[in-house]
C-alpha atoms as a PDB file:
ATOM      1  CA  MET A   1     105.686 -48.878  29.450  1.00  0.00           C
ATOM      2  CA  ALA A   2     107.226 -45.280  29.918  1.00  0.00           C
ATOM      3  CA  THR A   3     106.559 -42.920  32.746  1.00  0.00           C
ATOM      4  CA  ILE A   4     106.345 -39.063  32.519  1.00  0.00           C
ATOM      5  CA  ARG A   5     107.159 -36.626  35.376  1.00  0.00           C
ATOM      6  CA  VAL A   6     104.051 -34.901  36.703  1.00  0.00           C
ATOM      7  CA  CYS A   7     104.422 -31.566  39.013  1.00  0.00           C
ATOM      8  CA  SER A   8     101.721 -30.166  40.836  1.00  0.00           C
ATOM      9  CA  ILE A   9     101.577 -26.376  41.136  1.00  0.00           C
ATOM     10  CA  MET A  10      99.764 -26.056  44.224  1.00  0.00           C
ATOM     11  CA  SER A  11     101.955 -28.626  46.292  1.00  0.00           C
ATOM     12  CA  MET A  12     105.212 -28.278  44.250  1.00  0.00           C
ATOM     13  CA  GLU A  13     105.477 -31.984  44.570  1.00  0.00           C
ATOM     14  CA  CYS A  14     106.552 -34.152  41.458  1.00  0.00           C
ATOM     15  CA  PHE A  15     105.651 -37.794  41.122  1.00  0.00           C
ATOM     16  CA  ARG A  16     105.793 -40.140  37.853  1.00  0.00           C
ATOM     17  CA  VAL A  17     102.876 -41.625  36.215  1.00  0.00           C
ATOM     18  CA  PRO A  18     102.730 -44.478  33.552  1.00  0.00           C
ATOM     19  CA  PHE A  19     102.332 -43.294  30.190  1.00  0.00           C
ATOM     20  CA  THR A  20     101.268 -45.253  26.983  1.00  0.00           C
ATOM     21  CA  SER A  21     102.214 -43.469  23.741  1.00  0.00           C
ATOM     22  CA  PRO A  22      99.801 -43.685  20.701  1.00  0.00           C
ATOM     23  CA  SER A  23     102.221 -46.078  18.947  1.00  0.00           C
ATOM     24  CA  GLU A  24     102.323 -48.272  22.042  1.00  0.00           C
ATOM     25  CA  LYS A  25      98.297 -48.337  21.815  1.00  0.00           C
ATOM     26  CA  ALA A  26      98.107 -50.261  18.548  1.00  0.00           C
ATOM     27  CA  GLY A  27      94.593 -51.928  18.453  1.00  0.00           C
ATOM     28  CA  SER A  28      93.279 -49.965  21.111  1.00  0.00           C
ATOM     29  CA  ASP A  29      91.683 -46.511  21.302  1.00  0.00           C
ATOM     30  CA  GLN A  30      93.320 -44.238  18.952  1.00  0.00           C
ATOM     31  CA  ARG A  31      91.801 -40.844  19.652  1.00  0.00           C
ATOM     32  CA  LEU A  32      94.192 -37.919  20.214  1.00  0.00           C
ATOM     33  CA  ARG A  33      92.039 -36.173  22.893  1.00  0.00           C
ATOM     34  CA  GLY A  34      90.623 -37.222  26.075  1.00  0.00           C
ATOM     35  CA  ARG A  35      87.012 -38.003  26.447  1.00  0.00           C
ATOM     36  CA  TYR A  36      85.211 -37.083  29.492  1.00  0.00           C
ATOM     37  CA  PRO A  37      82.028 -39.237  30.676  1.00  0.00           C
ATOM     38  CA  ILE A  38      79.322 -36.610  31.458  1.00  0.00           C
ATOM     39  CA  ALA A  39      75.452 -36.554  30.967  1.00  0.00           C
ATOM     40  CA  LEU A  40      74.003 -33.380  29.553  1.00  0.00           C
ATOM     41  CA  GLU A  41      70.864 -32.521  27.608  1.00  0.00           C
ATOM     42  CA  LEU A  42      71.250 -31.695  24.198  1.00  0.00           C
ATOM     43  CA  GLN A  43      69.406 -30.451  20.877  1.00  0.00           C
ATOM     44  CA  TYR A  44      70.337 -31.691  17.351  1.00  0.00           C
ATOM     45  CA  LYS A  45      69.788 -30.441  13.979  1.00  0.00           C
ATOM     46  CA  LEU A  46      70.376 -32.573  11.131  1.00  0.00           C
ATOM     47  CA  LEU A  47      71.684 -30.752   8.313  1.00  0.00           C
ATOM     48  CA  ASN A  48      71.376 -30.856   4.565  1.00  0.00           C
ATOM     49  CA  LYS A  49      73.112 -28.440   2.282  1.00  0.00           C
ATOM     50  CA  GLY A  50      73.278 -26.063   5.010  1.00  0.00           C
ATOM     51  CA  ARG A  51      69.503 -26.272   5.780  1.00  0.00           C
ATOM     52  CA  VAL A  52      67.846 -27.848   8.840  1.00  0.00           C
ATOM     53  CA  GLU A  53      66.337 -31.273   7.765  1.00  0.00           C
ATOM     54  CA  ARG A  54      65.352 -32.309  11.415  1.00  0.00           C
ATOM     55  CA  LEU A  55      65.242 -31.534  14.819  1.00  0.00           C
ATOM     56  CA  GLY A  56      65.684 -33.780  17.989  1.00  0.00           C
ATOM     57  CA  VAL A  57      66.830 -34.202  21.639  1.00  0.00           C
ATOM     58  CA  GLY A  58      69.493 -36.483  23.138  1.00  0.00           C
ATOM     59  CA  GLN A  59      71.844 -36.575  26.058  1.00  0.00           C
ATOM     60  CA  THR A  60      75.558 -36.908  25.998  1.00  0.00           C
ATOM     61  CA  LEU A  61      77.470 -40.076  27.219  1.00  0.00           C
ATOM     62  CA  ASN A  62      80.837 -38.644  26.783  1.00  0.00           C
ATOM     63  CA  ILE A  63      82.393 -35.380  25.174  1.00  0.00           C
ATOM     64  CA  SER A  64      85.775 -34.064  24.030  1.00  0.00           C
ATOM     65  CA  SER A  65      86.991 -31.193  21.973  1.00  0.00           C
ATOM     66  CA  GLY A  66      87.231 -33.517  18.912  1.00  0.00           C
ATOM     67  CA  GLY A  67      83.873 -35.396  19.567  1.00  0.00           C
ATOM     68  CA  VAL A  68      80.621 -36.310  21.108  1.00  0.00           C
ATOM     69  CA  LEU A  69      79.190 -39.511  21.885  1.00  0.00           C
ATOM     70  CA  PHE A  70      75.321 -39.189  22.675  1.00  0.00           C
ATOM     71  CA  GLU A  71      72.146 -41.166  22.637  1.00  0.00           C
ATOM     72  CA  ALA A  72      68.879 -39.733  20.886  1.00  0.00           C
ATOM     73  CA  ALA A  73      65.291 -40.383  21.216  1.00  0.00           C
ATOM     74  CA  GLY A  74      64.775 -41.201  17.345  1.00  0.00           C
ATOM     75  CA  LEU A  75      66.731 -42.772  14.539  1.00  0.00           C
ATOM     76  CA  LEU A  76      69.588 -40.808  12.937  1.00  0.00           C
ATOM     77  CA  PRO A  77      71.535 -41.425   9.651  1.00  0.00           C
ATOM     78  CA  SER A  78      75.008 -43.174   9.936  1.00  0.00           C
ATOM     79  CA  SER A  79      76.780 -40.047   8.388  1.00  0.00           C
ATOM     80  CA  GLY A  80      76.163 -36.679   7.619  1.00  0.00           C
ATOM     81  CA  PRO A  81      76.521 -32.877   8.815  1.00  0.00           C
ATOM     82  CA  VAL A  82      74.989 -32.172  12.331  1.00  0.00           C
ATOM     83  CA  GLU A  83      74.851 -29.260  14.847  1.00  0.00           C
ATOM     84  CA  LEU A  84      74.473 -29.934  18.524  1.00  0.00           C
ATOM     85  CA  ALA A  85      73.527 -27.208  21.360  1.00  0.00           C
ATOM     86  CA  ILE A  86      74.589 -28.862  24.713  1.00  0.00           C
ATOM     87  CA  SER A  87      73.288 -27.300  27.947  1.00  0.00           C
ATOM     88  CA  TRP A  88      76.474 -26.459  29.891  1.00  0.00           C
ATOM     89  CA  PRO A  89      76.304 -27.215  33.864  1.00  0.00           C
ATOM     90  CA  PHE A  90      78.079 -23.872  34.796  1.00  0.00           C
ATOM     91  CA  LEU A  91      76.679 -20.082  34.513  1.00  0.00           C
ATOM     92  CA  LEU A  92      78.790 -17.381  32.976  1.00  0.00           C
ATOM     93  CA  ASP A  93      79.537 -14.948  35.750  1.00  0.00           C
ATOM     94  CA  GLY A  94      77.211 -16.993  38.067  1.00  0.00           C
ATOM     95  CA  ALA A  95      74.360 -15.720  36.031  1.00  0.00           C
ATOM     96  CA  VAL A  96      74.030 -16.607  32.618  1.00  0.00           C
ATOM     97  CA  LYS A  97      73.326 -19.787  31.165  1.00  0.00           C
ATOM     98  CA  LEU A  98      75.452 -21.199  28.292  1.00  0.00           C
ATOM     99  CA  LYS A  99      75.250 -23.692  25.555  1.00  0.00           C
ATOM    100  CA  LEU A 100      78.085 -25.208  23.913  1.00  0.00           C
ATOM    101  CA  VAL A 101      77.391 -25.412  20.242  1.00  0.00           C
ATOM    102  CA  MET A 102      79.515 -28.173  18.253  1.00  0.00           C
ATOM    103  CA  SER A 103      79.054 -28.620  14.542  1.00  0.00           C
ATOM    104  CA  GLY A 104      80.725 -31.693  12.714  1.00  0.00           C
ATOM    105  CA  HIS A 105      79.438 -34.853  11.051  1.00  0.00           C
ATOM    106  CA  ILE A 106      78.156 -38.220  12.354  1.00  0.00           C
ATOM    107  CA  VAL A 107      80.796 -40.811  11.948  1.00  0.00           C
ATOM    108  CA  ARG A 108      79.027 -43.742  13.543  1.00  0.00           C
ATOM    109  CA  ASN A 109      75.726 -44.808  14.620  1.00  0.00           C
ATOM    110  CA  ASP A 110      74.909 -47.966  16.246  1.00  0.00           C
ATOM    111  CA  ALA A 111      71.720 -49.166  18.238  1.00  0.00           C
ATOM    112  CA  LYS A 112      73.372 -47.441  21.439  1.00  0.00           C
ATOM    113  CA  ALA A 113      74.760 -44.219  20.606  1.00  0.00           C
ATOM    114  CA  ILE A 114      75.543 -41.673  17.913  1.00  0.00           C
ATOM    115  CA  ALA A 115      79.271 -40.538  17.543  1.00  0.00           C
ATOM    116  CA  VAL A 116      80.207 -37.006  15.877  1.00  0.00           C
ATOM    117  CA  LYS A 117      83.500 -35.701  14.904  1.00  0.00           C
ATOM    118  CA  VAL A 118      83.536 -32.159  15.943  1.00  0.00           C
ATOM    119  CA  GLU A 119      84.953 -29.467  13.417  1.00  0.00           C
ATOM    120  CA  HIS A 120      83.765 -26.501  15.358  1.00  0.00           C
ATOM    121  CA  HIS A 121      82.889 -25.530  18.885  1.00  0.00           C
ATOM    122  CA  GLU A 122      81.946 -22.429  20.613  1.00  0.00           C
ATOM    123  CA  PHE A 123      80.052 -21.303  23.953  1.00  0.00           C
ATOM    124  CA  ARG A 124      76.866 -19.232  23.145  1.00  0.00           C
ATOM    125  CA  THR A 125      74.788 -17.461  26.196  1.00  0.00           C
ATOM    126  CA  THR A 126      71.206 -18.389  26.468  1.00  0.00           C
ATOM    127  CA  GLY A 127      69.923 -15.565  28.929  1.00  0.00           C
ATOM    128  CA  ARG A 128      69.950 -15.445  32.762  1.00  0.00           C
ATOM    129  CA  SER A 129      69.215 -18.275  35.045  1.00  0.00           C
ATOM    130  CA  LEU A 130      66.001 -18.621  36.729  1.00  0.00           C
ATOM    131  CA  SER A 131      67.393 -17.372  40.187  1.00  0.00           C
ATOM    132  CA  GLU A 132      68.746 -14.226  38.288  1.00  0.00           C
ATOM    133  CA  LYS A 133      65.441 -13.352  36.726  1.00  0.00           C
ATOM    134  CA  SER A 134      63.646 -13.785  39.744  1.00  0.00           C
ATOM    135  CA  TYR A 135      66.021 -11.440  41.871  1.00  0.00           C
ATOM    136  CA  TYR A 136      65.758  -8.668  39.400  1.00  0.00           C
ATOM    137  CA  ARG A 137      61.847  -8.733  39.527  1.00  0.00           C
ATOM    138  CA  THR A 138      61.820  -8.729  43.193  1.00  0.00           C
ATOM    139  CA  ALA A 139      64.513  -6.043  43.688  1.00  0.00           C
ATOM    140  CA  ARG A 140      62.478  -3.618  41.414  1.00  0.00           C
END
Protein backbone atom coordinates (compact mmCIF):
# COMPACT_ATOMS: atom_id res chain seq x y z
CA MET A 1 0.00 0.00 0.00
CA ALA A 2 1.30 3.43 -0.90
CA THR A 3 1.33 6.52 1.30
CA ILE A 4 0.70 10.13 0.42
CA ARG A 5 2.03 13.27 2.08
CA VAL A 6 -0.63 15.47 3.69
CA CYS A 7 0.18 18.95 4.97
CA SER A 8 -1.89 21.09 7.31
CA ILE A 9 -2.19 24.74 6.32
CA MET A 10 -2.99 25.72 9.91
CA SER A 11 -0.09 24.00 11.70
CA MET A 12 2.32 23.86 8.72
CA GLU A 13 3.04 20.22 9.62
CA CYS A 14 3.14 17.37 7.15
CA PHE A 15 2.64 13.66 7.70
CA ARG A 16 2.18 10.52 5.63
CA VAL A 17 -1.11 8.62 5.44
CA PRO A 18 -1.95 5.30 3.78
CA PHE A 19 -3.53 5.59 0.33
CA THR A 20 -5.22 2.87 -1.67
CA SER A 21 -5.60 3.59 -5.38
CA PRO A 22 -8.81 2.54 -7.18
CA SER A 23 -6.88 -0.22 -8.98
CA GLU A 24 -5.74 -1.63 -5.60
CA LYS A 25 -9.36 -1.73 -4.41
CA ALA A 26 -10.38 -4.46 -6.88
CA GLY A 27 -13.49 -6.19 -5.62
CA SER A 28 -14.26 -3.51 -3.03
CA ASP A 29 -16.07 -0.16 -3.13
CA GLN A 30 -15.15 1.48 -6.46
CA ARG A 31 -16.70 4.93 -5.91
CA LEU A 32 -14.69 7.91 -7.08
CA ARG A 33 -16.23 10.32 -4.55
CA GLY A 34 -16.25 9.93 -0.79
CA ARG A 35 -19.59 9.32 0.90
CA TYR A 36 -20.45 11.09 4.12
CA PRO A 37 -22.81 9.45 6.63
CA ILE A 38 -25.46 12.01 7.53
CA ALA A 39 -29.16 11.78 8.41
CA LEU A 40 -31.15 14.61 6.79
CA GLU A 41 -34.85 14.87 5.97
CA LEU A 42 -35.70 14.81 2.28
CA GLN A 43 -38.63 14.96 -0.08
CA TYR A 44 -38.51 13.04 -3.34
CA LYS A 45 -40.34 13.35 -6.64
CA LEU A 46 -40.54 10.33 -8.91
CA LEU A 47 -40.60 11.61 -12.49
CA ASN A 48 -42.01 10.17 -15.68
CA LYS A 49 -41.26 12.03 -18.93
CA GLY A 50 -40.56 15.20 -16.95
CA ARG A 51 -43.83 15.07 -15.00
CA VAL A 52 -44.17 14.34 -11.29
CA GLU A 53 -45.60 10.87 -10.87
CA ARG A 54 -45.35 10.56 -7.10
CA LEU A 55 -44.18 12.52 -4.04
CA GLY A 56 -42.79 11.13 -0.81
CA VAL A 57 -40.49 11.69 2.14
CA GLY A 58 -37.41 9.97 3.50
CA GLN A 59 -34.08 10.38 5.24
CA THR A 60 -30.54 10.28 3.90
CA LEU A 61 -28.14 7.58 5.09
CA ASN A 62 -25.10 8.93 3.26
CA ILE A 63 -24.37 11.51 0.60
CA SER A 64 -21.69 12.61 -1.87
CA SER A 65 -21.59 14.92 -4.87
CA GLY A 66 -22.14 11.86 -7.07
CA GLY A 67 -24.83 9.98 -5.18
CA VAL A 68 -27.25 9.63 -2.29
CA LEU A 69 -28.37 6.62 -0.29
CA PHE A 70 -31.67 7.15 1.51
CA GLU A 71 -34.56 5.43 3.24
CA ALA A 72 -38.14 6.13 2.18
CA ALA A 73 -41.49 5.55 3.85
CA GLY A 74 -43.00 3.85 0.78
CA LEU A 75 -41.91 1.48 -1.94
CA LEU A 76 -39.99 3.01 -4.83
CA PRO A 77 -39.10 1.56 -8.23
CA SER A 78 -35.67 0.01 -8.78
CA SER A 79 -34.84 2.50 -11.56
CA GLY A 80 -35.99 5.76 -13.07
CA PRO A 81 -35.58 9.53 -12.78
CA VAL A 82 -35.94 11.18 -9.38
CA GLU A 83 -35.50 14.61 -7.80
CA LEU A 84 -34.49 14.94 -4.14
CA ALA A 85 -34.88 18.07 -2.00
CA ILE A 86 -32.72 17.66 1.10
CA SER A 87 -33.15 19.95 4.12
CA TRP A 88 -29.68 21.43 4.63
CA PRO A 89 -28.55 21.75 8.27
CA PHE A 90 -26.90 25.18 7.90
CA LEU A 91 -28.37 28.62 7.25
CA LEU A 92 -27.18 30.97 4.52
CA ASP A 93 -25.81 34.14 6.18
CA GLY A 94 -27.07 32.74 9.47
CA ALA A 95 -30.68 33.50 8.51
CA VAL A 96 -31.92 31.76 5.35
CA LYS A 97 -32.88 28.07 5.19
CA LEU A 98 -31.39 26.03 2.36
CA LYS A 99 -32.36 22.90 0.47
CA LEU A 100 -29.92 20.83 -1.55
CA VAL A 101 -31.81 19.81 -4.69
CA MET A 102 -30.36 16.81 -6.52
CA SER A 103 -31.65 15.19 -9.69
CA GLY A 104 -30.59 11.85 -11.07
CA HIS A 105 -31.62 8.24 -11.48
CA ILE A 106 -32.42 5.47 -9.04
CA VAL A 107 -29.75 2.82 -9.60
CA ARG A 108 -30.57 0.41 -6.78
CA ASN A 109 -33.45 -0.29 -4.45
CA ASP A 110 -33.31 -3.02 -1.84
CA ALA A 111 -35.27 -3.73 1.33
CA LYS A 112 -33.22 -1.19 3.31
CA ALA A 113 -32.41 1.77 1.05
CA ILE A 114 -32.58 3.49 -2.34
CA ALA A 115 -29.39 4.52 -4.16
CA VAL A 116 -29.47 7.50 -6.54
CA LYS A 117 -26.75 8.46 -9.01
CA VAL A 118 -26.76 12.26 -9.03
CA GLU A 119 -26.49 14.07 -12.37
CA HIS A 120 -27.13 17.63 -11.14
CA HIS A 121 -27.19 19.38 -7.79
CA GLU A 122 -27.77 22.92 -6.55
CA PHE A 123 -28.64 24.80 -3.38
CA ARG A 124 -31.92 26.70 -3.22
CA THR A 125 -33.15 29.10 -0.58
CA THR A 126 -36.38 28.28 1.25
CA GLY A 127 -37.00 31.48 3.23
CA ARG A 128 -35.86 32.85 6.55
CA SER A 129 -35.44 30.67 9.63
CA LEU A 130 -38.09 30.79 12.36
CA SER A 131 -35.82 32.76 14.69
CA GLU A 132 -35.21 35.35 11.95
CA LYS A 133 -38.95 35.71 11.24
CA SER A 134 -39.78 36.19 14.92
CA TYR A 135 -36.95 38.75 15.22
CA TYR A 136 -38.41 40.86 12.41
CA ARG A 137 -41.93 40.60 13.84
CA THR A 138 -40.86 41.85 17.28
CA ALA A 139 -38.46 44.50 15.91
CA ARG A 140 -41.22 46.39 14.09
